[in-house]
Amino acid sequence: MISDEQLDAYRISGERIRVVRDNLESNDVKGIVLAWDDKQVMVRRPNKRVVKLDRNYIYQPFSEPRQAPVE
């Protein structure tokens, strides 16, 4: 699970992130962190839509190579 400190750093910097949900790269969510609570993170996608995602997914900067999920 991603820490509050890391989420806050992404929110303050406005850095674009990638959320890896499964093995398919086409299912990744790309955007910026808006807010979070104990279980979910709100991410604004490039098309201005906001999605709520589970905190147990992999959150990483978009500029880094994609990290495959551990199963």
C-alpha atoms as a PDB file:
ATOM      1  CA  MET A   1       0.000   0.000   0.000  1.00  0.00           C
ATOM      2  CA  ILE A   2       1.315   3.457  -0.888  1.00  0.00           C
ATOM      3  CA  SER A   3       2.103   5.762   2.030  1.00  0.00           C
ATOM      4  CA  ASP A   4       0.401   9.070   2.814  1.00  0.00           C
ATOM      5  CA  GLU A   5       3.763  10.815   2.505  1.00  0.00           C
ATOM      6  CA  GLN A   6       4.326   9.516  -1.034  1.00  0.00           C
ATOM      7  CA  LEU A   7       0.789  10.452  -2.103  1.00  0.00           C
ATOM      8  CA  ASP A   8       1.258  13.930  -0.638  1.00  0.00           C
ATOM      9  CA  ALA A   9       4.539  14.337  -2.528  1.00  0.00           C
ATOM     10  CA  TYR A  10       2.803  13.386  -5.810  1.00  0.00           C
ATOM     11  CA  ARG A  11      -0.085  15.791  -5.069  1.00  0.00           C
ATOM     12  CA  ILE A  12       2.148  18.751  -4.198  1.00  0.00           C
ATOM     13  CA  SER A  13       4.476  18.274  -7.171  1.00  0.00           C
ATOM     14  CA  GLY A  14       1.619  17.699  -9.625  1.00  0.00           C
ATOM     15  CA  GLU A  15       3.688  14.904 -11.125  1.00  0.00           C
ATOM     16  CA  ARG A  16       1.922  12.623 -13.586  1.00  0.00           C
ATOM     17  CA  ILE A  17       1.664   9.077 -12.233  1.00  0.00           C
ATOM     18  CA  ARG A  18       0.870   5.616 -13.517  1.00  0.00           C
ATOM     19  CA  VAL A  19      -1.363   3.236 -11.562  1.00  0.00           C
ATOM     20  CA  VAL A  20      -0.628  -0.394 -12.460  1.00  0.00           C
ATOM     21  CA  ARG A  21      -3.708  -2.524 -11.818  1.00  0.00           C
ATOM     22  CA  ASP A  22      -2.869  -5.785 -13.623  1.00  0.00           C
ATOM     23  CA  ASN A  23      -0.527  -7.280 -16.225  1.00  0.00           C
ATOM     24  CA  LEU A  24      -2.093  -5.399 -19.162  1.00  0.00           C
ATOM     25  CA  GLU A  25      -0.479  -2.032 -19.786  1.00  0.00           C
ATOM     26  CA  SER A  26      -3.647  -0.826 -21.515  1.00  0.00           C
ATOM     27  CA  ASN A  27      -5.465  -1.051 -18.148  1.00  0.00           C
ATOM     28  CA  ASP A  28      -3.066   1.367 -16.442  1.00  0.00           C
ATOM     29  CA  VAL A  29      -4.509   4.661 -15.217  1.00  0.00           C
ATOM     30  CA  LYS A  30      -2.424   7.766 -15.904  1.00  0.00           C
ATOM     31  CA  GLY A  31      -3.045  11.108 -14.220  1.00  0.00           C
ATOM     32  CA  ILE A  32      -2.381  13.264 -11.163  1.00  0.00           C
ATOM     33  CA  VAL A  33      -3.235  12.606  -7.516  1.00  0.00           C
ATOM     34  CA  LEU A  34      -6.047  14.776  -6.129  1.00  0.00           C
ATOM     35  CA  ALA A  35      -6.982  13.268  -2.743  1.00  0.00           C
ATOM     36  CA  TRP A  36      -7.025  10.020  -0.766  1.00  0.00           C
ATOM     37  CA  ASP A  37      -8.373   8.305   2.317  1.00  0.00           C
ATOM     38  CA  ASP A  38      -7.607   5.021   4.091  1.00  0.00           C
ATOM     39  CA  LYS A  39      -8.741   2.812   1.196  1.00  0.00           C
ATOM     40  CA  GLN A  40      -8.934   4.869  -2.015  1.00  0.00           C
ATOM     41  CA  VAL A  41      -7.041   7.437  -4.069  1.00  0.00           C
ATOM     42  CA  MET A  42      -8.676   9.970  -6.410  1.00  0.00           C
ATOM     43  CA  VAL A  43      -6.771  10.490  -9.666  1.00  0.00           C
ATOM     44  CA  ARG A  44      -7.597  13.032 -12.386  1.00  0.00           C
ATOM     45  CA  ARG A  45      -7.040  11.537 -15.811  1.00  0.00           C
ATOM     46  CA  PRO A  46      -5.892  13.604 -18.846  1.00  0.00           C
ATOM     47  CA  ASN A  47      -9.485  13.770 -20.128  1.00  0.00           C
ATOM     48  CA  LYS A  48     -10.424  15.590 -16.855  1.00  0.00           C
ATOM     49  CA  ARG A  49     -12.381  12.634 -15.458  1.00  0.00           C
ATOM     50  CA  VAL A  50     -11.751  11.670 -11.857  1.00  0.00           C
ATOM     51  CA  VAL A  51     -11.458   8.013 -10.860  1.00  0.00           C
ATOM     52  CA  LYS A  52     -11.256   6.375  -7.434  1.00  0.00           C
ATOM     53  CA  LEU A  53      -8.666   3.619  -7.178  1.00  0.00           C
ATOM     54  CA  ASP A  54      -7.692   1.170  -4.454  1.00  0.00           C
ATOM     55  CA  ARG A  55      -4.553   2.095  -2.493  1.00  0.00           C
ATOM     56  CA  ASN A  56      -3.197  -1.447  -2.914  1.00  0.00           C
ATOM     57  CA  TYR A  57      -2.369  -0.874  -6.605  1.00  0.00           C
ATOM     58  CA  ILE A  58       1.144   0.094  -7.711  1.00  0.00           C
ATOM     59  CA  TYR A  59       1.599   3.898  -7.899  1.00  0.00           C
ATOM     60  CA  GLN A  60       4.698   5.120  -9.714  1.00  0.00           C
ATOM     61  CA  PRO A  61       5.860   8.200 -11.635  1.00  0.00           C
ATOM     62  CA  PHE A  62       4.849   8.072 -15.296  1.00  0.00           C
ATOM     63  CA  SER A  63       8.411   8.895 -16.334  1.00  0.00           C
ATOM     64  CA  GLU A  64       9.768   5.633 -14.847  1.00  0.00           C
ATOM     65  CA  PRO A  65       9.594   2.259 -16.665  1.00  0.00           C
ATOM     66  CA  ARG A  66       6.431   0.306 -15.931  1.00  0.00           C
ATOM     67  CA  GLN A  67       6.684  -1.998 -12.917  1.00  0.00           C
ATOM     68  CA  ALA A  68       4.868  -5.316 -13.328  1.00  0.00           C
ATOM     69  CA  PRO A  69       2.478  -6.285 -10.527  1.00  0.00           C
ATOM     70  CA  VAL A  70       3.465  -9.150  -8.214  1.00  0.00           C
ATOM     71  CA  GLU A  71       1.011 -12.006  -8.188  1.00  0.00           C
END
